[in-house]
Amino acid sequence: SFFFFKQKTAYEMLRSLVGSEMCIRDRRRVHGELKAIQEKRDERRKLRAQYLTEHKGELKSKANEEAQKKKAEEEAKNEVVLKKQRRRKDDIDKFMAEKKKELEEKKAQEERDKVSKEEEEKKITVID
């Protein structure tokens, strides 16, 4: 048995075909579609430019507000960090002062003990 296949026309082939593979009617339709797409793109660009022009002040003030808010948040974070650092510094200073006082008291006690020992030795030598 024989199978016969109908040969496709250029119209039945893919739209992406160009030149002699595509009939003139399809080429015009595709060109029209491309032109419509370009026109829509141009219209969107015009609308975007118009919006930006009309709302330029609002957008700037909104951006400024956001920048100020972000700056305030950063300052608040920095303030918290600074408070923690000050607290740590104060704690360290307090600790160091206590240790210094303890050392001074220890030295004073050692000095008293030394004087007391010397006096004991003098008493022992006087008694002998």
PDB file of N, CA and C in Angstrom:
ATOM      1  N   SER A   1       0.839  -1.176   0.000  1.00  0.00           N
ATOM      2  CA  SER A   1       0.000   0.000   0.000  1.00  0.00           C
ATOM      3  C   SER A   1       0.877   1.230   0.000  1.00  0.00           C
ATOM      4  N   PHE A   2       0.394   2.239  -0.656  1.00  0.00           N
ATOM      5  CA  PHE A   2       1.140   3.490  -0.772  1.00  0.00           C
ATOM      6  C   PHE A   2       0.488   4.560   0.091  1.00  0.00           C
ATOM      7  N   PHE A   3       1.348   5.342   0.716  1.00  0.00           N
ATOM      8  CA  PHE A   3       0.855   6.477   1.509  1.00  0.00           C
ATOM      9  C   PHE A   3       1.188   7.752   0.768  1.00  0.00           C
ATOM     10  N   PHE A   4       0.216   8.572   0.661  1.00  0.00           N
ATOM     11  CA  PHE A   4       0.431   9.838  -0.007  1.00  0.00           C
ATOM     12  C   PHE A   4       0.307  10.956   1.024  1.00  0.00           C
ATOM     13  N   PHE A   5       1.268  11.803   1.007  1.00  0.00           N
ATOM     14  CA  PHE A   5       1.244  12.948   1.925  1.00  0.00           C
ATOM     15  C   PHE A   5       0.989  14.209   1.137  1.00  0.00           C
ATOM     16  N   LYS A   6       0.106  15.010   1.656  1.00  0.00           N
ATOM     17  CA  LYS A   6      -0.171  16.288   1.016  1.00  0.00           C
ATOM     18  C   LYS A   6       0.955  17.250   1.375  1.00  0.00           C
ATOM     19  N   GLN A   7       1.495  17.898   0.395  1.00  0.00           N
ATOM     20  CA  GLN A   7       2.558  18.852   0.649  1.00  0.00           C
ATOM     21  C   GLN A   7       1.941  20.122   1.236  1.00  0.00           C
ATOM     22  N   LYS A   8       2.543  20.625   2.344  1.00  0.00           N
ATOM     23  CA  LYS A   8       2.004  21.815   3.005  1.00  0.00           C
ATOM     24  C   LYS A   8       2.358  23.063   2.207  1.00  0.00           C
ATOM     25  N   THR A   9       1.447  24.001   2.266  1.00  0.00           N
ATOM     26  CA  THR A   9       1.725  25.298   1.645  1.00  0.00           C
ATOM     27  C   THR A   9       2.503  26.144   2.635  1.00  0.00           C
ATOM     28  N   ALA A  10       3.028  27.220   2.138  1.00  0.00           N
ATOM     29  CA  ALA A  10       3.770  28.125   3.014  1.00  0.00           C
ATOM     30  C   ALA A  10       2.868  28.651   4.117  1.00  0.00           C
ATOM     31  N   TYR A  11       1.582  28.833   3.849  1.00  0.00           N
ATOM     32  CA  TYR A  11       0.646  29.333   4.844  1.00  0.00           C
ATOM     33  C   TYR A  11       0.509  28.352   5.993  1.00  0.00           C
ATOM     34  N   GLU A  12       0.586  27.070   5.713  1.00  0.00           N
ATOM     35  CA  GLU A  12       0.427  26.042   6.737  1.00  0.00           C
ATOM     36  C   GLU A  12       1.700  25.831   7.555  1.00  0.00           C
ATOM     37  N   MET A  13       2.813  26.336   7.079  1.00  0.00           N
ATOM     38  CA  MET A  13       4.070  26.181   7.802  1.00  0.00           C
ATOM     39  C   MET A  13       4.161  27.199   8.939  1.00  0.00           C
ATOM     40  N   LEU A  14       5.207  27.084   9.700  1.00  0.00           N
ATOM     41  CA  LEU A  14       5.392  27.979  10.841  1.00  0.00           C
ATOM     42  C   LEU A  14       5.458  29.436  10.427  1.00  0.00           C
ATOM     43  N   ARG A  15       5.020  30.298  11.313  1.00  0.00           N
ATOM     44  CA  ARG A  15       5.063  31.728  11.043  1.00  0.00           C
ATOM     45  C   ARG A  15       6.492  32.245  10.967  1.00  0.00           C
ATOM     46  N   SER A  16       7.413  31.535  11.586  1.00  0.00           N
ATOM     47  CA  SER A  16       8.786  32.023  11.658  1.00  0.00           C
ATOM     48  C   SER A  16       9.511  31.910  10.322  1.00  0.00           C
ATOM     49  N   LEU A  17       8.887  31.274   9.349  1.00  0.00           N
ATOM     50  CA  LEU A  17       9.532  31.148   8.048  1.00  0.00           C
ATOM     51  C   LEU A  17       9.622  32.510   7.379  1.00  0.00           C
ATOM     52  N   VAL A  18      10.676  32.721   6.643  1.00  0.00           N
ATOM     53  CA  VAL A  18      10.871  34.008   5.994  1.00  0.00           C
ATOM     54  C   VAL A  18      11.190  33.806   4.522  1.00  0.00           C
ATOM     55  N   GLY A  19      11.215  34.895   3.835  1.00  0.00           N
ATOM     56  CA  GLY A  19      11.611  34.861   2.431  1.00  0.00           C
ATOM     57  C   GLY A  19      10.663  34.050   1.575  1.00  0.00           C
ATOM     58  N   SER A  20      11.238  33.201   0.707  1.00  0.00           N
ATOM     59  CA  SER A  20      10.421  32.465  -0.249  1.00  0.00           C
ATOM     60  C   SER A  20       9.599  31.374   0.421  1.00  0.00           C
ATOM     61  N   GLU A  21       9.922  31.011   1.664  1.00  0.00           N
ATOM     62  CA  GLU A  21       9.178  29.942   2.351  1.00  0.00           C
ATOM     63  C   GLU A  21       7.861  30.439   2.928  1.00  0.00           C
ATOM     64  N   MET A  22       7.656  31.707   2.901  1.00  0.00           N
ATOM     65  CA  MET A  22       6.475  32.271   3.543  1.00  0.00           C
ATOM     66  C   MET A  22       5.708  33.101   2.519  1.00  0.00           C
ATOM     67  N   CYS A  23       4.420  32.929   2.490  1.00  0.00           N
ATOM     68  CA  CYS A  23       3.679  33.678   1.477  1.00  0.00           C
ATOM     69  C   CYS A  23       3.608  35.152   1.860  1.00  0.00           C
ATOM     70  N   ILE A  24       3.420  35.984   0.905  1.00  0.00           N
ATOM     71  CA  ILE A  24       3.439  37.435   1.110  1.00  0.00           C
ATOM     72  C   ILE A  24       2.367  37.847   2.100  1.00  0.00           C
ATOM     73  N   ARG A  25       1.215  37.218   2.032  1.00  0.00           N
ATOM     74  CA  ARG A  25       0.126  37.583   2.927  1.00  0.00           C
ATOM     75  C   ARG A  25       0.543  37.376   4.376  1.00  0.00           C
ATOM     76  N   ASP A  26       1.188  36.254   4.720  1.00  0.00           N
ATOM     77  CA  ASP A  26       1.630  35.992   6.089  1.00  0.00           C
ATOM     78  C   ASP A  26       2.714  36.975   6.503  1.00  0.00           C
ATOM     79  N   ARG A  27       3.587  37.318   5.592  1.00  0.00           N
ATOM     80  CA  ARG A  27       4.661  38.238   5.910  1.00  0.00           C
ATOM     81  C   ARG A  27       4.090  39.589   6.322  1.00  0.00           C
ATOM     82  N   ARG A  28       3.074  40.026   5.583  1.00  0.00           N
ATOM     83  CA  ARG A  28       2.444  41.301   5.939  1.00  0.00           C
ATOM     84  C   ARG A  28       1.761  41.222   7.300  1.00  0.00           C
ATOM     85  N   ARG A  29       1.109  40.095   7.571  1.00  0.00           N
ATOM     86  CA  ARG A  29       0.426  39.928   8.862  1.00  0.00           C
ATOM     87  C   ARG A  29       1.443  39.933  10.004  1.00  0.00           C
ATOM     88  N   VAL A  30       2.542  39.214   9.836  1.00  0.00           N
ATOM     89  CA  VAL A  30       3.582  39.174  10.866  1.00  0.00           C
ATOM     90  C   VAL A  30       4.187  40.561  11.048  1.00  0.00           C
ATOM     91  N   HIS A  31       4.444  41.249   9.944  1.00  0.00           N
ATOM     92  CA  HIS A  31       5.001  42.602  10.033  1.00  0.00           C
ATOM     93  C   HIS A  31       4.029  43.503  10.794  1.00  0.00           C
ATOM     94  N   GLY A  32       2.739  43.351  10.525  1.00  0.00           N
ATOM     95  CA  GLY A  32       1.719  44.137  11.226  1.00  0.00           C
ATOM     96  C   GLY A  32       1.711  43.826  12.720  1.00  0.00           C
ATOM     97  N   GLU A  33       1.849  42.552  13.066  1.00  0.00           N
ATOM     98  CA  GLU A  33       1.892  42.167  14.482  1.00  0.00           C
ATOM     99  C   GLU A  33       3.115  42.758  15.160  1.00  0.00           C
ATOM    100  N   LEU A  34       4.250  42.698  14.485  1.00  0.00           N
ATOM    101  CA  LEU A  34       5.475  43.265  15.057  1.00  0.00           C
ATOM    102  C   LEU A  34       5.338  44.772  15.252  1.00  0.00           C
ATOM    103  N   LYS A  35       4.708  45.407  14.266  1.00  0.00           N
ATOM    104  CA  LYS A  35       4.503  46.851  14.367  1.00  0.00           C
ATOM    105  C   LYS A  35       3.573  47.172  15.535  1.00  0.00           C
ATOM    106  N   ALA A  36       2.532  46.373  15.720  1.00  0.00           N
ATOM    107  CA  ALA A  36       1.601  46.584  16.839  1.00  0.00           C
ATOM    108  C   ALA A  36       2.319  46.396  18.181  1.00  0.00           C
ATOM    109  N   ILE A  37       3.159  45.389  18.262  1.00  0.00           N
ATOM    110  CA  ILE A  37       3.927  45.151  19.489  1.00  0.00           C
ATOM    111  C   ILE A  37       4.825  46.341  19.789  1.00  0.00           C
ATOM    112  N   GLN A  38       5.504  46.845  18.762  1.00  0.00           N
ATOM    113  CA  GLN A  38       6.384  48.010  18.937  1.00  0.00           C
ATOM    114  C   GLN A  38       5.583  49.230  19.362  1.00  0.00           C
ATOM    115  N   GLU A  39       4.408  49.418  18.777  1.00  0.00           N
ATOM    116  CA  GLU A  39       3.561  50.560  19.143  1.00  0.00           C
ATOM    117  C   GLU A  39       3.112  50.456  20.595  1.00  0.00           C
ATOM    118  N   LYS A  40       2.731  49.240  21.036  1.00  0.00           N
ATOM    119  CA  LYS A  40       2.335  49.046  22.437  1.00  0.00           C
ATOM    120  C   LYS A  40       3.500  49.353  23.371  1.00  0.00           C
ATOM    121  N   ARG A  41       4.694  48.895  22.995  1.00  0.00           N
ATOM    122  CA  ARG A  41       5.890  49.141  23.801  1.00  0.00           C
ATOM    123  C   ARG A  41       6.155  50.649  23.890  1.00  0.00           C
ATOM    124  N   ASP A  42       6.041  51.333  22.747  1.00  0.00           N
ATOM    125  CA  ASP A  42       6.259  52.783  22.736  1.00  0.00           C
ATOM    126  C   ASP A  42       5.220  53.495  23.601  1.00  0.00           C
ATOM    127  N   GLU A  43       3.969  53.034  23.539  1.00  0.00           N
ATOM    128  CA  GLU A  43       2.903  53.634  24.341  1.00  0.00           C
ATOM    129  C   GLU A  43       3.184  53.446  25.834  1.00  0.00           C
ATOM    130  N   ARG A  44       3.623  52.241  26.216  1.00  0.00           N
ATOM    131  CA  ARG A  44       3.957  51.983  27.633  1.00  0.00           C
ATOM    132  C   ARG A  44       5.097  52.893  28.086  1.00  0.00           C
ATOM    133  N   ARG A  45       6.085  53.079  27.223  1.00  0.00           N
ATOM    134  CA  ARG A  45       7.212  53.965  27.559  1.00  0.00           C
ATOM    135  C   ARG A  45       6.731  55.401  27.751  1.00  0.00           C
ATOM    136  N   LYS A  46       5.849  55.849  26.871  1.00  0.00           N
ATOM    137  CA  LYS A  46       5.308  57.206  26.989  1.00  0.00           C
ATOM    138  C   LYS A  46       4.526  57.360  28.287  1.00  0.00           C
ATOM    139  N   LEU A  47       3.684  56.368  28.599  1.00  0.00           N
ATOM    140  CA  LEU A  47       2.895  56.429  29.831  1.00  0.00           C
ATOM    141  C   LEU A  47       3.800  56.427  31.069  1.00  0.00           C
ATOM    142  N   ARG A  48       4.842  55.603  31.042  1.00  0.00           N
ATOM    143  CA  ARG A  48       5.780  55.552  32.166  1.00  0.00           C
ATOM    144  C   ARG A  48       6.478  56.899  32.338  1.00  0.00           C
ATOM    145  N   ALA A  49       6.923  57.488  31.228  1.00  0.00           N
ATOM    146  CA  ALA A  49       7.588  58.789  31.277  1.00  0.00           C
ATOM    147  C   ALA A  49       6.633  59.866  31.776  1.00  0.00           C
ATOM    148  N   GLN A  50       5.396  59.818  31.323  1.00  0.00           N
ATOM    149  CA  GLN A  50       4.383  60.785  31.752  1.00  0.00           C
ATOM    150  C   GLN A  50       4.119  60.640  33.251  1.00  0.00           C
ATOM    151  N   TYR A  51       3.983  59.406  33.714  1.00  0.00           N
ATOM    152  CA  TYR A  51       3.740  59.151  35.139  1.00  0.00           C
ATOM    153  C   TYR A  51       4.895  59.696  35.981  1.00  0.00           C
ATOM    154  N   LEU A  52       6.120  59.383  35.542  1.00  0.00           N
ATOM    155  CA  LEU A  52       7.292  59.845  36.291  1.00  0.00           C
ATOM    156  C   LEU A  52       7.365  61.368  36.316  1.00  0.00           C
ATOM    157  N   THR A  53       7.000  61.997  35.203  1.00  0.00           N
ATOM    158  CA  THR A  53       7.015  63.457  35.144  1.00  0.00           C
ATOM    159  C   THR A  53       5.962  64.045  36.077  1.00  0.00           C
ATOM    160  N   GLU A  54       4.758  63.483  36.058  1.00  0.00           N
ATOM    161  CA  GLU A  54       3.666  64.007  36.873  1.00  0.00           C
ATOM    162  C   GLU A  54       3.889  63.766  38.367  1.00  0.00           C
ATOM    163  N   HIS A  55       4.489  62.639  38.699  1.00  0.00           N
ATOM    164  CA  HIS A  55       4.629  62.258  40.110  1.00  0.00           C
ATOM    165  C   HIS A  55       6.062  62.380  40.624  1.00  0.00           C
ATOM    166  N   LYS A  56       6.851  63.166  39.904  1.00  0.00           N
ATOM    167  CA  LYS A  56       8.261  63.307  40.253  1.00  0.00           C
ATOM    168  C   LYS A  56       8.432  63.783  41.700  1.00  0.00           C
ATOM    169  N   GLY A  57       7.708  64.817  42.075  1.00  0.00           N
ATOM    170  CA  GLY A  57       7.801  65.369  43.434  1.00  0.00           C
ATOM    171  C   GLY A  57       7.388  64.346  44.478  1.00  0.00           C
ATOM    172  N   GLU A  58       6.278  63.646  44.221  1.00  0.00           N
ATOM    173  CA  GLU A  58       5.801  62.621  45.165  1.00  0.00           C
ATOM    174  C   GLU A  58       6.833  61.512  45.325  1.00  0.00           C
ATOM    175  N   LEU A  59       7.374  61.085  44.194  1.00  0.00           N
ATOM    176  CA  LEU A  59       8.344  59.996  44.244  1.00  0.00           C
ATOM    177  C   LEU A  59       9.603  60.420  45.003  1.00  0.00           C
ATOM    178  N   LYS A  60      10.039  61.677  44.770  1.00  0.00           N
ATOM    179  CA  LYS A  60      11.220  62.169  45.479  1.00  0.00           C
ATOM    180  C   LYS A  60      10.948  62.252  46.972  1.00  0.00           C
ATOM    181  N   SER A  61       9.777  62.808  47.346  1.00  0.00           N
ATOM    182  CA  SER A  61       9.472  62.939  48.770  1.00  0.00           C
ATOM    183  C   SER A  61       9.320  61.558  49.412  1.00  0.00           C
ATOM    184  N   LYS A  62       8.745  60.636  48.679  1.00  0.00           N
ATOM    185  CA  LYS A  62       8.613  59.268  49.186  1.00  0.00           C
ATOM    186  C   LYS A  62       9.989  58.643  49.386  1.00  0.00           C
ATOM    187  N   ALA A  63      10.870  58.854  48.421  1.00  0.00           N
ATOM    188  CA  ALA A  63      12.237  58.329  48.529  1.00  0.00           C
ATOM    189  C   ALA A  63      12.957  58.986  49.698  1.00  0.00           C
ATOM    190  N   ASN A  64      12.745  60.303  49.882  1.00  0.00           N
ATOM    191  CA  ASN A  64      13.368  61.004  51.010  1.00  0.00           C
ATOM    192  C   ASN A  64      12.844  60.481  52.339  1.00  0.00           C
ATOM    193  N   GLU A  65      11.526  60.253  52.414  1.00  0.00           N
ATOM    194  CA  GLU A  65      10.940  59.705  53.636  1.00  0.00           C
ATOM    195  C   GLU A  65      11.528  58.338  53.959  1.00  0.00           C
ATOM    196  N   GLU A  66      11.643  57.503  52.937  1.00  0.00           N
ATOM    197  CA  GLU A  66      12.209  56.176  53.138  1.00  0.00           C
ATOM    198  C   GLU A  66      13.668  56.260  53.579  1.00  0.00           C
ATOM    199  N   ALA A  67      14.415  57.186  52.986  1.00  0.00           N
ATOM    200  CA  ALA A  67      15.820  57.365  53.362  1.00  0.00           C
ATOM    201  C   ALA A  67      15.928  57.861  54.801  1.00  0.00           C
ATOM    202  N   GLN A  68      15.059  58.809  55.188  1.00  0.00           N
ATOM    203  CA  GLN A  68      15.079  59.315  56.555  1.00  0.00           C
ATOM    204  C   GLN A  68      14.681  58.233  57.548  1.00  0.00           C
ATOM    205  N   LYS A  69      13.695  57.428  57.169  1.00  0.00           N
ATOM    206  CA  LYS A  69      13.258  56.335  58.039  1.00  0.00           C
ATOM    207  C   LYS A  69      14.394  55.329  58.229  1.00  0.00           C
ATOM    208  N   LYS A  70      15.064  54.994  57.137  1.00  0.00           N
ATOM    209  CA  LYS A  70      16.181  54.058  57.207  1.00  0.00           C
ATOM    210  C   LYS A  70      17.306  54.632  58.064  1.00  0.00           C
ATOM    211  N   LYS A  71      17.570  55.929  57.888  1.00  0.00           N
ATOM    212  CA  LYS A  71      18.611  56.586  58.675  1.00  0.00           C
ATOM    213  C   LYS A  71      18.249  56.566  60.165  1.00  0.00           C
ATOM    214  N   ALA A  72      16.992  56.843  60.477  1.00  0.00           N
ATOM    215  CA  ALA A  72      16.539  56.829  61.871  1.00  0.00           C
ATOM    216  C   ALA A  72      16.680  55.428  62.466  1.00  0.00           C
ATOM    217  N   GLU A  73      16.334  54.413  61.683  1.00  0.00           N
ATOM    218  CA  GLU A  73      16.475  53.032  62.155  1.00  0.00           C
ATOM    219  C   GLU A  73      17.940  52.708  62.429  1.00  0.00           C
ATOM    220  N   GLU A  74      18.820  53.137  61.534  1.00  0.00           N
ATOM    221  CA  GLU A  74      20.258  52.899  61.720  1.00  0.00           C
ATOM    222  C   GLU A  74      20.762  53.613  62.967  1.00  0.00           C
ATOM    223  N   GLU A  75      20.310  54.865  63.162  1.00  0.00           N
ATOM    224  CA  GLU A  75      20.727  55.621  64.345  1.00  0.00           C
ATOM    225  C   GLU A  75      20.238  54.947  65.615  1.00  0.00           C
ATOM    226  N   ALA A  76      19.013  54.420  65.580  1.00  0.00           N
ATOM    227  CA  ALA A  76      18.477  53.723  66.748  1.00  0.00           C
ATOM    228  C   ALA A  76      19.299  52.473  67.050  1.00  0.00           C
ATOM    229  N   LYS A  77      19.632  51.726  66.006  1.00  0.00           N
ATOM    230  CA  LYS A  77      20.464  50.536  66.191  1.00  0.00           C
ATOM    231  C   LYS A  77      21.825  50.922  66.767  1.00  0.00           C
ATOM    232  N   ASN A  78      22.416  51.986  66.205  1.00  0.00           N
ATOM    233  CA  ASN A  78      23.715  52.445  66.689  1.00  0.00           C
ATOM    234  C   ASN A  78      23.639  52.889  68.149  1.00  0.00           C
ATOM    235  N   GLU A  79      22.555  53.547  68.515  1.00  0.00           N
ATOM    236  CA  GLU A  79      22.379  53.994  69.897  1.00  0.00           C
ATOM    237  C   GLU A  79      22.306  52.806  70.844  1.00  0.00           C
ATOM    238  N   VAL A  80      21.601  51.762  70.433  1.00  0.00           N
ATOM    239  CA  VAL A  80      21.518  50.551  71.257  1.00  0.00           C
ATOM    240  C   VAL A  80      22.909  49.939  71.435  1.00  0.00           C
ATOM    241  N   VAL A  81      23.651  49.884  70.342  1.00  0.00           N
ATOM    242  CA  VAL A  81      25.011  49.334  70.404  1.00  0.00           C
ATOM    243  C   VAL A  81      25.882  50.187  71.324  1.00  0.00           C
ATOM    244  N   LEU A  82      25.782  51.514  71.194  1.00  0.00           N
ATOM    245  CA  LEU A  82      26.571  52.408  72.037  1.00  0.00           C
ATOM    246  C   LEU A  82      26.218  52.247  73.515  1.00  0.00           C
ATOM    247  N   LYS A  83      24.928  52.095  73.809  1.00  0.00           N
ATOM    248  CA  LYS A  83      24.509  51.888  75.203  1.00  0.00           C
ATOM    249  C   LYS A  83      25.123  50.615  75.760  1.00  0.00           C
ATOM    250  N   LYS A  84      25.096  49.548  74.960  1.00  0.00           N
ATOM    251  CA  LYS A  84      25.692  48.288  75.395  1.00  0.00           C
ATOM    252  C   LYS A  84      27.183  48.458  75.634  1.00  0.00           C
ATOM    253  N   GLN A  85      27.850  49.165  74.717  1.00  0.00           N
ATOM    254  CA  GLN A  85      29.290  49.375  74.869  1.00  0.00           C
ATOM    255  C   GLN A  85      29.600  50.208  76.109  1.00  0.00           C
ATOM    256  N   ARG A  86      28.794  51.256  76.337  1.00  0.00           N
ATOM    257  CA  ARG A  86      28.999  52.078  77.547  1.00  0.00           C
ATOM    258  C   ARG A  86      28.792  51.249  78.802  1.00  0.00           C
ATOM    259  N   ARG A  87      27.737  50.427  78.781  1.00  0.00           N
ATOM    260  CA  ARG A  87      27.450  49.575  79.940  1.00  0.00           C
ATOM    261  C   ARG A  87      28.609  48.622  80.190  1.00  0.00           C
ATOM    262  N   ARG A  88      29.129  48.012  79.133  1.00  0.00           N
ATOM    263  CA  ARG A  88      30.278  47.113  79.275  1.00  0.00           C
ATOM    264  C   ARG A  88      31.484  47.862  79.821  1.00  0.00           C
ATOM    265  N   LYS A  89      31.723  49.062  79.275  1.00  0.00           N
ATOM    266  CA  LYS A  89      32.856  49.865  79.738  1.00  0.00           C
ATOM    267  C   LYS A  89      32.687  50.204  81.210  1.00  0.00           C
ATOM    268  N   ASP A  90      31.475  50.619  81.596  1.00  0.00           N
ATOM    269  CA  ASP A  90      31.217  50.942  82.998  1.00  0.00           C
ATOM    270  C   ASP A  90      31.437  49.721  83.887  1.00  0.00           C
ATOM    271  N   ASP A  91      30.957  48.557  83.408  1.00  0.00           N
ATOM    272  CA  ASP A  91      31.148  47.321  84.180  1.00  0.00           C
ATOM    273  C   ASP A  91      32.634  46.997  84.323  1.00  0.00           C
ATOM    274  N   ILE A  92      33.393  47.168  83.255  1.00  0.00           N
ATOM    275  CA  ILE A  92      34.836  46.890  83.292  1.00  0.00           C
ATOM    276  C   ILE A  92      35.532  47.885  84.226  1.00  0.00           C
ATOM    277  N   ASP A  93      35.151  49.167  84.113  1.00  0.00           N
ATOM    278  CA  ASP A  93      35.754  50.182  84.986  1.00  0.00           C
ATOM    279  C   ASP A  93      35.455  49.876  86.454  1.00  0.00           C
ATOM    280  N   LYS A  94      34.229  49.485  86.731  1.00  0.00           N
ATOM    281  CA  LYS A  94      33.839  49.144  88.107  1.00  0.00           C
ATOM    282  C   LYS A  94      34.639  47.943  88.600  1.00  0.00           C
ATOM    283  N   PHE A  95      34.757  46.924  87.756  1.00  0.00           N
ATOM    284  CA  PHE A  95      35.522  45.727  88.107  1.00  0.00           C
ATOM    285  C   PHE A  95      36.980  46.084  88.384  1.00  0.00           C
ATOM    286  N   MET A  96      37.568  46.896  87.504  1.00  0.00           N
ATOM    287  CA  MET A  96      38.972  47.287  87.669  1.00  0.00           C
ATOM    288  C   MET A  96      39.166  48.099  88.950  1.00  0.00           C
ATOM    289  N   ALA A  97      38.226  48.987  89.258  1.00  0.00           N
ATOM    290  CA  ALA A  97      38.322  49.787  90.491  1.00  0.00           C
ATOM    291  C   ALA A  97      38.266  48.879  91.718  1.00  0.00           C
ATOM    292  N   GLU A  98      37.372  47.888  91.678  1.00  0.00           N
ATOM    293  CA  GLU A  98      37.278  46.943  92.798  1.00  0.00           C
ATOM    294  C   GLU A  98      38.577  46.164  92.968  1.00  0.00           C
ATOM    295  N   LYS A  99      39.141  45.692  91.859  1.00  0.00           N
ATOM    296  CA  LYS A  99      40.396  44.927  91.924  1.00  0.00           C
ATOM    297  C   LYS A  99      41.535  45.810  92.439  1.00  0.00           C
ATOM    298  N   LYS A 100      41.571  47.062  91.993  1.00  0.00           N
ATOM    299  CA  LYS A 100      42.609  47.986  92.453  1.00  0.00           C
ATOM    300  C   LYS A 100      42.479  48.208  93.951  1.00  0.00           C
ATOM    301  N   LYS A 101      41.251  48.393  94.413  1.00  0.00           N
ATOM    302  CA  LYS A 101      41.009  48.593  95.844  1.00  0.00           C
ATOM    303  C   LYS A 101      41.439  47.362  96.634  1.00  0.00           C
ATOM    304  N   GLU A 102      41.095  46.168  96.108  1.00  0.00           N
ATOM    305  CA  GLU A 102      41.500  44.927  96.777  1.00  0.00           C
ATOM    306  C   GLU A 102      43.021  44.825  96.861  1.00  0.00           C
ATOM    307  N   LEU A 103      43.708  45.157  95.779  1.00  0.00           N
ATOM    308  CA  LEU A 103      45.172  45.116  95.778  1.00  0.00           C
ATOM    309  C   LEU A 103      45.759  46.098  96.790  1.00  0.00           C
ATOM    310  N   GLU A 104      45.194  47.308  96.816  1.00  0.00           N
ATOM    311  CA  GLU A 104      45.676  48.307  97.779  1.00  0.00           C
ATOM    312  C   GLU A 104      45.456  47.827  99.211  1.00  0.00           C
ATOM    313  N   GLU A 105      44.279  47.242  99.474  1.00  0.00           N
ATOM    314  CA  GLU A 105      43.996  46.712 100.814  1.00  0.00           C
ATOM    315  C   GLU A 105      44.944  45.567 101.159  1.00  0.00           C
ATOM    316  N   LYS A 106      45.226  44.721 100.166  1.00  0.00           N
ATOM    317  CA  LYS A 106      46.143  43.600 100.390  1.00  0.00           C
ATOM    318  C   LYS A 106      47.544  44.108 100.716  1.00  0.00           C
ATOM    319  N   LYS A 107      48.017  45.116  99.974  1.00  0.00           N
ATOM    320  CA  LYS A 107      49.338  45.692 100.227  1.00  0.00           C
ATOM    321  C   LYS A 107      49.379  46.342 101.605  1.00  0.00           C
ATOM    322  N   ALA A 108      48.314  47.065 101.934  1.00  0.00           N
ATOM    323  CA  ALA A 108      48.252  47.714 103.254  1.00  0.00           C
ATOM    324  C   ALA A 108      48.284  46.662 104.364  1.00  0.00           C
ATOM    325  N   GLN A 109      47.555  45.566 104.164  1.00  0.00           N
ATOM    326  CA  GLN A 109      47.537  44.492 105.163  1.00  0.00           C
ATOM    327  C   GLN A 109      48.917  43.851 105.271  1.00  0.00           C
ATOM    328  N   GLU A 110      49.561  43.622 104.119  1.00  0.00           N
ATOM    329  CA  GLU A 110      50.906  43.054 104.136  1.00  0.00           C
ATOM    330  C   GLU A 110      51.871  43.989 104.871  1.00  0.00           C
ATOM    331  N   GLU A 111      51.723  45.286 104.636  1.00  0.00           N
ATOM    332  CA  GLU A 111      52.576  46.273 105.319  1.00  0.00           C
ATOM    333  C   GLU A 111      52.316  46.246 106.823  1.00  0.00           C
ATOM    334  N   ARG A 112      51.064  46.183 107.227  1.00  0.00           N
ATOM    335  CA  ARG A 112      50.728  46.100 108.660  1.00  0.00           C
ATOM    336  C   ARG A 112      51.294  44.833 109.280  1.00  0.00           C
ATOM    337  N   ASP A 113      51.143  43.712 108.502  1.00  0.00           N
ATOM    338  CA  ASP A 113      51.677  42.442 109.005  1.00  0.00           C
ATOM    339  C   ASP A 113      53.195  42.524 109.162  1.00  0.00           C
ATOM    340  N   LYS A 114      53.869  43.162 108.211  1.00  0.00           N
ATOM    341  CA  LYS A 114      55.324  43.299 108.252  1.00  0.00           C
ATOM    342  C   LYS A 114      55.748  44.124 109.472  1.00  0.00           C
ATOM    343  N   VAL A 115      55.064  45.253 109.677  1.00  0.00           N
ATOM    344  CA  VAL A 115      55.365  46.114 110.827  1.00  0.00           C
ATOM    345  C   VAL A 115      55.096  45.358 112.118  1.00  0.00           C
ATOM    346  N   SER A 116      54.004  44.660 112.164  1.00  0.00           N
ATOM    347  CA  SER A 116      53.644  43.891 113.348  1.00  0.00           C
ATOM    348  C   SER A 116      54.670  42.802 113.624  1.00  0.00           C
ATOM    349  N   LYS A 117      55.137  42.152 112.595  1.00  0.00           N
ATOM    350  CA  LYS A 117      56.156  41.102 112.742  1.00  0.00           C
ATOM    351  C   LYS A 117      57.469  41.701 113.249  1.00  0.00           C
ATOM    352  N   GLU A 118      57.842  42.859 112.704  1.00  0.00           N
ATOM    353  CA  GLU A 118      59.067  43.534 113.140  1.00  0.00           C
ATOM    354  C   GLU A 118      58.976  43.903 114.612  1.00  0.00           C
ATOM    355  N   GLU A 119      57.794  44.383 115.039  1.00  0.00           N
ATOM    356  CA  GLU A 119      57.600  44.742 116.442  1.00  0.00           C
ATOM    357  C   GLU A 119      57.696  43.503 117.335  1.00  0.00           C
ATOM    358  N   GLU A 120      57.146  42.409 116.884  1.00  0.00           N
ATOM    359  CA  GLU A 120      57.227  41.153 117.637  1.00  0.00           C
ATOM    360  C   GLU A 120      58.686  40.730 117.786  1.00  0.00           C
ATOM    361  N   GLU A 121      59.447  40.843 116.684  1.00  0.00           N
ATOM    362  CA  GLU A 121      60.857  40.466 116.720  1.00  0.00           C
ATOM    363  C   GLU A 121      61.640  41.379 117.672  1.00  0.00           C
ATOM    364  N   LYS A 122      61.290  42.669 117.691  1.00  0.00           N
ATOM    365  CA  LYS A 122      61.954  43.605 118.590  1.00  0.00           C
ATOM    366  C   LYS A 122      61.647  43.233 120.050  1.00  0.00           C
ATOM    367  N   LYS A 123      60.385  42.884 120.312  1.00  0.00           N
ATOM    368  CA  LYS A 123      60.007  42.493 121.681  1.00  0.00           C
ATOM    369  C   LYS A 123      60.755  41.239 122.095  1.00  0.00           C
ATOM    370  N   ILE A 124      60.877  40.293 121.138  1.00  0.00           N
ATOM    371  CA  ILE A 124      61.579  39.044 121.458  1.00  0.00           C
ATOM    372  C   ILE A 124      63.048  39.334 121.744  1.00  0.00           C
ATOM    373  N   THR A 125      63.669  40.192 120.960  1.00  0.00           N
ATOM    374  CA  THR A 125      65.075  40.521 121.175  1.00  0.00           C
ATOM    375  C   THR A 125      65.269  41.313 122.458  1.00  0.00           C
ATOM    376  N   VAL A 126      64.357  42.155 122.838  1.00  0.00           N
ATOM    377  CA  VAL A 126      64.461  42.930 124.071  1.00  0.00           C
ATOM    378  C   VAL A 126      64.318  41.985 125.271  1.00  0.00           C
ATOM    379  N   ILE A 127      63.408  41.041 125.188  1.00  0.00           N
ATOM    380  CA  ILE A 127      63.195  40.084 126.278  1.00  0.00           C
ATOM    381  C   ILE A 127      64.410  39.195 126.440  1.00  0.00           C
ATOM    382  N   ASP A 128      65.020  38.817 125.413  1.00  0.00           N
ATOM    383  CA  ASP A 128      66.187  37.914 125.487  1.00  0.00           C
ATOM    384  C   ASP A 128      67.334  38.654 126.049  1.00  0.00           C
TER     385      ASP A 128
END
